[in-house]
PDB file of all heavy atoms in Angstrom:
ATOM      1  N   ALA A   1    -114.903 -50.240 -36.413  1.00  0.00           N
ATOM      2  CA  ALA A   1    -114.471 -49.232 -37.382  1.00  0.00           C
ATOM      3  C   ALA A   1    -114.994 -47.851 -37.039  1.00  0.00           C
ATOM      4  O   ALA A   1    -116.075 -47.695 -36.449  1.00  0.00           O
ATOM      5  CB  ALA A   1    -114.927 -49.633 -38.781  1.00  0.00           C
ATOM      6  N   GLU A   2    -114.215 -46.861 -37.414  1.00  0.00           N
ATOM      7  CA  GLU A   2    -114.652 -45.469 -37.334  1.00  0.00           C
ATOM      8  C   GLU A   2    -115.088 -45.006 -38.729  1.00  0.00           C
ATOM      9  O   GLU A   2    -114.812 -45.667 -39.735  1.00  0.00           O
ATOM     10  CB  GLU A   2    -113.528 -44.556 -36.829  1.00  0.00           C
ATOM     11  CG  GLU A   2    -113.264 -44.641 -35.337  1.00  0.00           C
ATOM     12  CD  GLU A   2    -112.578 -45.952 -34.964  1.00  0.00           C
ATOM     13  OE1 GLU A   2    -111.591 -46.324 -35.630  1.00  0.00           O
ATOM     14  OE2 GLU A   2    -113.063 -46.606 -34.015  1.00  0.00           O
ATOM     15  N   VAL A   3    -115.784 -43.872 -38.765  1.00  0.00           N
ATOM     16  CA  VAL A   3    -116.190 -43.256 -40.028  1.00  0.00           C
ATOM     17  C   VAL A   3    -115.367 -41.979 -40.193  1.00  0.00           C
ATOM     18  O   VAL A   3    -115.400 -41.089 -39.344  1.00  0.00           O
ATOM     19  CB  VAL A   3    -117.689 -42.918 -40.044  1.00  0.00           C
ATOM     20  CG1 VAL A   3    -118.082 -42.313 -41.387  1.00  0.00           C
ATOM     21  CG2 VAL A   3    -118.523 -44.164 -39.768  1.00  0.00           C
ATOM     22  N   ILE A   4    -114.594 -41.932 -41.275  1.00  0.00           N
ATOM     23  CA  ILE A   4    -113.768 -40.767 -41.597  1.00  0.00           C
ATOM     24  C   ILE A   4    -114.434 -40.062 -42.766  1.00  0.00           C
ATOM     25  O   ILE A   4    -114.667 -40.685 -43.817  1.00  0.00           O
ATOM     26  CB  ILE A   4    -112.335 -41.195 -41.982  1.00  0.00           C
ATOM     27  CG1 ILE A   4    -111.760 -42.147 -40.931  1.00  0.00           C
ATOM     28  CG2 ILE A   4    -111.439 -39.981 -42.178  1.00  0.00           C
ATOM     29  CD1 ILE A   4    -110.534 -42.905 -41.404  1.00  0.00           C
ATOM     30  N   HIS A   5    -114.732 -38.770 -42.623  1.00  0.00           N
ATOM     31  CA  HIS A   5    -115.544 -38.142 -43.677  1.00  0.00           C
ATOM     32  C   HIS A   5    -115.459 -36.627 -43.652  1.00  0.00           C
ATOM     33  O   HIS A   5    -115.126 -36.008 -42.638  1.00  0.00           O
ATOM     34  CB  HIS A   5    -117.008 -38.561 -43.501  1.00  0.00           C
ATOM     35  CG  HIS A   5    -117.606 -38.107 -42.201  1.00  0.00           C
ATOM     36  ND1 HIS A   5    -118.377 -36.966 -42.102  1.00  0.00           N
ATOM     37  CD2 HIS A   5    -117.540 -38.618 -40.947  1.00  0.00           C
ATOM     38  CE1 HIS A   5    -118.773 -36.810 -40.834  1.00  0.00           C
ATOM     39  NE2 HIS A   5    -118.275 -37.803 -40.120  1.00  0.00           N
ATOM     40  N   PHE A   6    -115.770 -36.034 -44.799  1.00  0.00           N
ATOM     41  CA  PHE A   6    -116.059 -34.603 -44.856  1.00  0.00           C
ATOM     42  C   PHE A   6    -117.432 -34.377 -44.219  1.00  0.00           C
ATOM     43  O   PHE A   6    -118.276 -35.276 -44.198  1.00  0.00           O
ATOM     44  CB  PHE A   6    -116.117 -34.126 -46.306  1.00  0.00           C
ATOM     45  CG  PHE A   6    -114.779 -33.885 -46.944  1.00  0.00           C
ATOM     46  CD1 PHE A   6    -113.598 -34.181 -46.292  1.00  0.00           C
ATOM     47  CD2 PHE A   6    -114.709 -33.358 -48.226  1.00  0.00           C
ATOM     48  CE1 PHE A   6    -112.365 -33.964 -46.891  1.00  0.00           C
ATOM     49  CE2 PHE A   6    -113.491 -33.139 -48.843  1.00  0.00           C
ATOM     50  CZ  PHE A   6    -112.317 -33.437 -48.170  1.00  0.00           C
ATOM     51  N   TRP A   7    -117.665 -33.166 -43.743  1.00  0.00           N
ATOM     52  CA  TRP A   7    -118.974 -32.831 -43.191  1.00  0.00           C
ATOM     53  C   TRP A   7    -119.300 -31.387 -43.544  1.00  0.00           C
ATOM     54  O   TRP A   7    -118.489 -30.477 -43.307  1.00  0.00           O
ATOM     55  CB  TRP A   7    -118.988 -33.023 -41.677  1.00  0.00           C
ATOM     56  CG  TRP A   7    -120.362 -32.995 -41.064  1.00  0.00           C
ATOM     57  CD1 TRP A   7    -120.842 -32.101 -40.155  1.00  0.00           C
ATOM     58  CD2 TRP A   7    -121.438 -33.916 -41.295  1.00  0.00           C
ATOM     59  NE1 TRP A   7    -122.136 -32.410 -39.812  1.00  0.00           N
ATOM     60  CE2 TRP A   7    -122.533 -33.516 -40.501  1.00  0.00           C
ATOM     61  CE3 TRP A   7    -121.575 -35.040 -42.108  1.00  0.00           C
ATOM     62  CZ2 TRP A   7    -123.747 -34.205 -40.494  1.00  0.00           C
ATOM     63  CZ3 TRP A   7    -122.795 -35.725 -42.106  1.00  0.00           C
ATOM     64  CH2 TRP A   7    -123.855 -35.309 -41.299  1.00  0.00           C
ATOM     65  N   HIS A   8    -120.481 -31.191 -44.118  1.00  0.00           N
ATOM     66  CA  HIS A   8    -120.906 -29.853 -44.511  1.00  0.00           C
ATOM     67  C   HIS A   8    -121.319 -29.080 -43.269  1.00  0.00           C
ATOM     68  O   HIS A   8    -122.252 -29.471 -42.558  1.00  0.00           O
ATOM     69  CB  HIS A   8    -122.090 -29.959 -45.485  1.00  0.00           C
ATOM     70  CG  HIS A   8    -122.428 -28.658 -46.132  1.00  0.00           C
ATOM     71  ND1 HIS A   8    -123.681 -28.364 -46.605  1.00  0.00           N
ATOM     72  CD2 HIS A   8    -121.663 -27.559 -46.404  1.00  0.00           C
ATOM     73  CE1 HIS A   8    -123.698 -27.163 -47.135  1.00  0.00           C
ATOM     74  NE2 HIS A   8    -122.486 -26.646 -47.023  1.00  0.00           N
ATOM     75  N   GLN A   9    -120.623 -27.980 -43.003  1.00  0.00           N
ATOM     76  CA  GLN A   9    -120.875 -27.189 -41.795  1.00  0.00           C
ATOM     77  C   GLN A   9    -120.909 -25.702 -42.158  1.00  0.00           C
ATOM     78  O   GLN A   9    -120.009 -24.925 -41.807  1.00  0.00           O
ATOM     79  CB  GLN A   9    -119.793 -27.471 -40.752  1.00  0.00           C
ATOM     80  CG  GLN A   9    -120.182 -27.123 -39.332  1.00  0.00           C
ATOM     81  CD  GLN A   9    -119.179 -27.674 -38.347  1.00  0.00           C
ATOM     82  OE1 GLN A   9    -118.104 -27.117 -38.152  1.00  0.00           O
ATOM     83  NE2 GLN A   9    -119.528 -28.778 -37.694  1.00  0.00           N
ATOM     84  N   PRO A  10    -121.951 -25.299 -42.881  1.00  0.00           N
ATOM     85  CA  PRO A  10    -122.032 -23.899 -43.311  1.00  0.00           C
ATOM     86  C   PRO A  10    -122.375 -22.970 -42.147  1.00  0.00           C
ATOM     87  O   PRO A  10    -122.917 -23.401 -41.125  1.00  0.00           O
ATOM     88  CB  PRO A  10    -123.160 -23.919 -44.336  1.00  0.00           C
ATOM     89  CG  PRO A  10    -124.040 -25.059 -43.893  1.00  0.00           C
ATOM     90  CD  PRO A  10    -123.099 -26.093 -43.335  1.00  0.00           C
ATOM     91  N   THR A  11    -122.035 -21.719 -42.298  1.00  0.00           N
ATOM     92  CA  THR A  11    -122.395 -20.682 -41.337  1.00  0.00           C
ATOM     93  C   THR A  11    -123.360 -19.720 -42.014  1.00  0.00           C
ATOM     94  O   THR A  11    -123.462 -19.692 -43.249  1.00  0.00           O
ATOM     95  CB  THR A  11    -121.147 -19.922 -40.864  1.00  0.00           C
ATOM     96  OG1 THR A  11    -120.533 -19.291 -42.011  1.00  0.00           O
ATOM     97  CG2 THR A  11    -120.149 -20.869 -40.224  1.00  0.00           C
ATOM     98  N   PRO A  12    -124.093 -18.905 -41.225  1.00  0.00           N
ATOM     99  CA  PRO A  12    -125.051 -17.972 -41.837  1.00  0.00           C
ATOM    100  C   PRO A  12    -124.416 -17.043 -42.865  1.00  0.00           C
ATOM    101  O   PRO A  12    -125.049 -16.656 -43.844  1.00  0.00           O
ATOM    102  CB  PRO A  12    -125.590 -17.191 -40.634  1.00  0.00           C
ATOM    103  CG  PRO A  12    -125.436 -18.138 -39.477  1.00  0.00           C
ATOM    104  CD  PRO A  12    -124.170 -18.898 -39.754  1.00  0.00           C
ATOM    105  N   GLU A  13    -123.145 -16.684 -42.653  1.00  0.00           N
ATOM    106  CA  GLU A  13    -122.484 -15.773 -43.579  1.00  0.00           C
ATOM    107  C   GLU A  13    -121.709 -16.501 -44.679  1.00  0.00           C
ATOM    108  O   GLU A  13    -121.056 -15.878 -45.511  1.00  0.00           O
ATOM    109  CB  GLU A  13    -121.516 -14.860 -42.825  1.00  0.00           C
ATOM    110  CG  GLU A  13    -120.382 -15.563 -42.099  1.00  0.00           C
ATOM    111  CD  GLU A  13    -120.765 -16.057 -40.712  1.00  0.00           C
ATOM    112  OE1 GLU A  13    -121.959 -15.995 -40.367  1.00  0.00           O
ATOM    113  OE2 GLU A  13    -119.861 -16.491 -39.975  1.00  0.00           O
ATOM    114  N   SER A  14    -121.804 -17.825 -44.698  1.00  0.00           N
ATOM    115  CA  SER A  14    -121.046 -18.605 -45.669  1.00  0.00           C
ATOM    116  C   SER A  14    -121.523 -18.332 -47.078  1.00  0.00           C
ATOM    117  O   SER A  14    -122.719 -18.336 -47.368  1.00  0.00           O
ATOM    118  CB  SER A  14    -121.168 -20.098 -45.365  1.00  0.00           C
ATOM    119  OG  SER A  14    -120.552 -20.864 -46.383  1.00  0.00           O
ATOM    120  N   GLN A  15    -120.565 -18.088 -47.979  1.00  0.00           N
ATOM    121  CA  GLN A  15    -120.871 -17.870 -49.385  1.00  0.00           C
ATOM    122  C   GLN A  15    -120.378 -19.035 -50.248  1.00  0.00           C
ATOM    123  O   GLN A  15    -120.316 -18.922 -51.466  1.00  0.00           O
ATOM    124  CB  GLN A  15    -120.216 -16.564 -49.855  1.00  0.00           C
ATOM    125  CG  GLN A  15    -120.698 -15.326 -49.119  1.00  0.00           C
ATOM    126  CD  GLN A  15    -122.189 -15.089 -49.312  1.00  0.00           C
ATOM    127  OE1 GLN A  15    -122.692 -15.170 -50.437  1.00  0.00           O
ATOM    128  NE2 GLN A  15    -122.895 -14.806 -48.239  1.00  0.00           N
ATOM    129  N   ALA A  16    -120.000 -20.123 -49.618  1.00  0.00           N
ATOM    130  CA  ALA A  16    -119.429 -21.245 -50.355  1.00  0.00           C
ATOM    131  C   ALA A  16    -120.477 -21.896 -51.251  1.00  0.00           C
ATOM    132  O   ALA A  16    -121.664 -21.893 -50.960  1.00  0.00           O
ATOM    133  CB  ALA A  16    -118.857 -22.271 -49.392  1.00  0.00           C
ATOM    134  N   ASN A  17    -120.006 -22.460 -52.346  1.00  0.00           N
ATOM    135  CA  ASN A  17    -120.869 -23.233 -53.229  1.00  0.00           C
ATOM    136  C   ASN A  17    -120.184 -24.553 -53.537  1.00  0.00           C
ATOM    137  O   ASN A  17    -119.191 -24.913 -52.908  1.00  0.00           O
ATOM    138  CB  ASN A  17    -121.203 -22.442 -54.505  1.00  0.00           C
ATOM    139  CG  ASN A  17    -119.956 -22.050 -55.288  1.00  0.00           C
ATOM    140  OD1 ASN A  17    -118.966 -22.792 -55.342  1.00  0.00           O
ATOM    141  ND2 ASN A  17    -119.993 -20.868 -55.888  1.00  0.00           N
ATOM    142  N   TRP A  18    -120.702 -25.284 -54.521  1.00  0.00           N
ATOM    143  CA  TRP A  18    -120.192 -26.627 -54.793  1.00  0.00           C
ATOM    144  C   TRP A  18    -118.758 -26.616 -55.301  1.00  0.00           C
ATOM    145  O   TRP A  18    -118.083 -27.640 -55.274  1.00  0.00           O
ATOM    146  CB  TRP A  18    -121.099 -27.335 -55.784  1.00  0.00           C
ATOM    147  CG  TRP A  18    -121.061 -26.782 -57.186  1.00  0.00           C
ATOM    148  CD1 TRP A  18    -121.729 -25.692 -57.653  1.00  0.00           C
ATOM    149  CD2 TRP A  18    -120.330 -27.304 -58.288  1.00  0.00           C
ATOM    150  NE1 TRP A  18    -121.452 -25.504 -58.977  1.00  0.00           N
ATOM    151  CE2 TRP A  18    -120.593 -26.479 -59.393  1.00  0.00           C
ATOM    152  CE3 TRP A  18    -119.487 -28.392 -58.456  1.00  0.00           C
ATOM    153  CZ2 TRP A  18    -120.052 -26.696 -60.650  1.00  0.00           C
ATOM    154  CZ3 TRP A  18    -118.931 -28.618 -59.709  1.00  0.00           C
ATOM    155  CH2 TRP A  18    -119.206 -27.773 -60.790  1.00  0.00           C
ATOM    156  N   ARG A  19    -118.259 -25.449 -55.741  1.00  0.00           N
ATOM    157  CA  ARG A  19    -116.924 -25.393 -56.308  1.00  0.00           C
ATOM    158  C   ARG A  19    -115.828 -25.020 -55.301  1.00  0.00           C
ATOM    159  O   ARG A  19    -114.677 -24.902 -55.686  1.00  0.00           O
ATOM    160  CB  ARG A  19    -116.900 -24.418 -57.486  1.00  0.00           C
ATOM    161  CG  ARG A  19    -117.798 -24.860 -58.623  1.00  0.00           C
ATOM    162  CD  ARG A  19    -117.654 -23.983 -59.837  1.00  0.00           C
ATOM    163  NE  ARG A  19    -118.043 -22.596 -59.566  1.00  0.00           N
ATOM    164  CZ  ARG A  19    -118.098 -21.656 -60.509  1.00  0.00           C
ATOM    165  NH1 ARG A  19    -117.778 -21.947 -61.761  1.00  0.00           N
ATOM    166  NH2 ARG A  19    -118.461 -20.437 -60.209  1.00  0.00           N
ATOM    167  N   ASN A  20    -116.192 -24.814 -54.052  1.00  0.00           N
ATOM    168  CA  ASN A  20    -115.147 -24.580 -53.054  1.00  0.00           C
ATOM    169  C   ASN A  20    -115.555 -25.203 -51.733  1.00  0.00           C
ATOM    170  O   ASN A  20    -116.726 -25.511 -51.501  1.00  0.00           O
ATOM    171  CB  ASN A  20    -114.838 -23.087 -52.896  1.00  0.00           C
ATOM    172  CG  ASN A  20    -115.899 -22.355 -52.117  1.00  0.00           C
ATOM    173  OD1 ASN A  20    -115.989 -22.464 -50.895  1.00  0.00           O
ATOM    174  ND2 ASN A  20    -116.733 -21.587 -52.820  1.00  0.00           N
ATOM    175  N   LEU A  21    -114.599 -25.413 -50.846  1.00  0.00           N
ATOM    176  CA  LEU A  21    -114.807 -26.207 -49.634  1.00  0.00           C
ATOM    177  C   LEU A  21    -114.566 -25.412 -48.355  1.00  0.00           C
ATOM    178  O   LEU A  21    -114.171 -25.967 -47.337  1.00  0.00           O
ATOM    179  CB  LEU A  21    -113.885 -27.439 -49.657  1.00  0.00           C
ATOM    180  CG  LEU A  21    -114.137 -28.416 -50.796  1.00  0.00           C
ATOM    181  CD1 LEU A  21    -113.110 -29.536 -50.778  1.00  0.00           C
ATOM    182  CD2 LEU A  21    -115.542 -28.998 -50.708  1.00  0.00           C
ATOM    183  N   SER A  22    -114.842 -24.113 -48.382  1.00  0.00           N
ATOM    184  CA  SER A  22    -114.616 -23.300 -47.191  1.00  0.00           C
ATOM    185  C   SER A  22    -115.590 -23.627 -46.059  1.00  0.00           C
ATOM    186  O   SER A  22    -115.360 -23.244 -44.906  1.00  0.00           O
ATOM    187  CB  SER A  22    -114.713 -21.813 -47.542  1.00  0.00           C
ATOM    188  OG  SER A  22    -115.997 -21.497 -48.066  1.00  0.00           O
ATOM    189  N   ASP A  23    -116.666 -24.357 -46.380  1.00  0.00           N
ATOM    190  CA  ASP A  23    -117.646 -24.712 -45.344  1.00  0.00           C
ATOM    191  C   ASP A  23    -117.613 -26.208 -45.023  1.00  0.00           C
ATOM    192  O   ASP A  23    -118.614 -26.804 -44.643  1.00  0.00           O
ATOM    193  CB  ASP A  23    -119.053 -24.304 -45.774  1.00  0.00           C
ATOM    194  CG  ASP A  23    -119.456 -24.859 -47.142  1.00  0.00           C
ATOM    195  OD1 ASP A  23    -118.621 -25.546 -47.769  1.00  0.00           O
ATOM    196  OD2 ASP A  23    -120.592 -24.599 -47.578  1.00  0.00           O
ATOM    197  N   ILE A  24    -116.424 -26.818 -45.154  1.00  0.00           N
ATOM    198  CA  ILE A  24    -116.248 -28.247 -44.885  1.00  0.00           C
ATOM    199  C   ILE A  24    -115.327 -28.451 -43.685  1.00  0.00           C
ATOM    200  O   ILE A  24    -114.362 -27.714 -43.496  1.00  0.00           O
ATOM    201  CB  ILE A  24    -115.645 -28.952 -46.128  1.00  0.00           C
ATOM    202  CG1 ILE A  24    -116.719 -29.187 -47.181  1.00  0.00           C
ATOM    203  CG2 ILE A  24    -114.976 -30.269 -45.772  1.00  0.00           C
ATOM    204  CD1 ILE A  24    -117.777 -30.199 -46.782  1.00  0.00           C
ATOM    205  N   VAL A  25    -115.649 -29.451 -42.862  1.00  0.00           N
ATOM    206  CA  VAL A  25    -114.730 -29.932 -41.833  1.00  0.00           C
ATOM    207  C   VAL A  25    -114.497 -31.423 -42.081  1.00  0.00           C
ATOM    208  O   VAL A  25    -115.269 -32.076 -42.778  1.00  0.00           O
ATOM    209  CB  VAL A  25    -115.271 -29.712 -40.408  1.00  0.00           C
ATOM    210  CG1 VAL A  25    -115.457 -28.228 -40.116  1.00  0.00           C
ATOM    211  CG2 VAL A  25    -116.582 -30.473 -40.196  1.00  0.00           C
ATOM    212  N   ILE A  26    -113.411 -31.929 -41.528  1.00  0.00           N
ATOM    213  CA  ILE A  26    -113.153 -33.364 -41.526  1.00  0.00           C
ATOM    214  C   ILE A  26    -113.499 -33.902 -40.153  1.00  0.00           C
ATOM    215  O   ILE A  26    -113.087 -33.322 -39.135  1.00  0.00           O
ATOM    216  CB  ILE A  26    -111.688 -33.684 -41.855  1.00  0.00           C
ATOM    217  CG1 ILE A  26    -111.330 -33.191 -43.251  1.00  0.00           C
ATOM    218  CG2 ILE A  26    -111.441 -35.181 -41.778  1.00  0.00           C
ATOM    219  CD1 ILE A  26    -109.880 -33.431 -43.620  1.00  0.00           C
ATOM    220  N   GLN A  27    -114.248 -34.988 -40.097  1.00  0.00           N
ATOM    221  CA  GLN A  27    -114.628 -35.604 -38.831  1.00  0.00           C
ATOM    222  C   GLN A  27    -114.230 -37.078 -38.805  1.00  0.00           C
ATOM    223  O   GLN A  27    -114.208 -37.739 -39.849  1.00  0.00           O
ATOM    224  CB  GLN A  27    -116.141 -35.497 -38.595  1.00  0.00           C
ATOM    225  CG  GLN A  27    -116.647 -34.084 -38.389  1.00  0.00           C
ATOM    226  CD  GLN A  27    -118.147 -34.030 -38.144  1.00  0.00           C
ATOM    227  OE1 GLN A  27    -118.873 -34.986 -38.423  1.00  0.00           O
ATOM    228  NE2 GLN A  27    -118.624 -32.910 -37.626  1.00  0.00           N
ATOM    229  N   ILE A  28    -113.933 -37.553 -37.615  1.00  0.00           N
ATOM    230  CA  ILE A  28    -113.822 -38.987 -37.357  1.00  0.00           C
ATOM    231  C   ILE A  28    -114.873 -39.324 -36.319  1.00  0.00           C
ATOM    232  O   ILE A  28    -114.876 -38.770 -35.221  1.00  0.00           O
ATOM    233  CB  ILE A  28    -112.418 -39.370 -36.846  1.00  0.00           C
ATOM    234  CG1 ILE A  28    -111.361 -39.056 -37.905  1.00  0.00           C
ATOM    235  CG2 ILE A  28    -112.379 -40.862 -36.498  1.00  0.00           C
ATOM    236  CD1 ILE A  28    -109.942 -39.376 -37.476  1.00  0.00           C
ATOM    237  N   ARG A  29    -115.795 -40.236 -36.666  1.00  0.00           N
ATOM    238  CA  ARG A  29    -116.900 -40.596 -35.774  1.00  0.00           C
ATOM    239  C   ARG A  29    -116.747 -42.021 -35.269  1.00  0.00           C
ATOM    240  O   ARG A  29    -116.254 -42.903 -35.980  1.00  0.00           O
ATOM    241  CB  ARG A  29    -118.250 -40.466 -36.495  1.00  0.00           C
ATOM    242  CG  ARG A  29    -118.586 -39.054 -36.912  1.00  0.00           C
ATOM    243  CD  ARG A  29    -120.033 -38.952 -37.344  1.00  0.00           C
ATOM    244  NE  ARG A  29    -120.358 -37.619 -37.805  1.00  0.00           N
ATOM    245  CZ  ARG A  29    -121.486 -36.965 -37.523  1.00  0.00           C
ATOM    246  NH1 ARG A  29    -122.418 -37.552 -36.760  1.00  0.00           N
ATOM    247  NH2 ARG A  29    -121.709 -35.758 -37.995  1.00  0.00           N
ATOM    248  N   ASP A  30    -117.209 -42.235 -34.071  1.00  0.00           N
ATOM    249  CA  ASP A  30    -117.268 -43.574 -33.497  1.00  0.00           C
ATOM    250  C   ASP A  30    -118.289 -44.392 -34.277  1.00  0.00           C
ATOM    251  O   ASP A  30    -119.437 -43.968 -34.459  1.00  0.00           O
ATOM    252  CB  ASP A  30    -117.660 -43.499 -32.021  1.00  0.00           C
ATOM    253  CG  ASP A  30    -117.678 -44.850 -31.356  1.00  0.00           C
ATOM    254  OD1 ASP A  30    -118.693 -45.561 -31.479  1.00  0.00           O
ATOM    255  OD2 ASP A  30    -116.677 -45.213 -30.715  1.00  0.00           O
TER     256      ASP A  30
END
């Protein structure tokens, strides 16, 4: 099986908080 998931990937200039997902990527991991 693979793992399909959101991943928190903030940047230094990121202003995102819990109410928006601008600092999220989707990953598929081995």
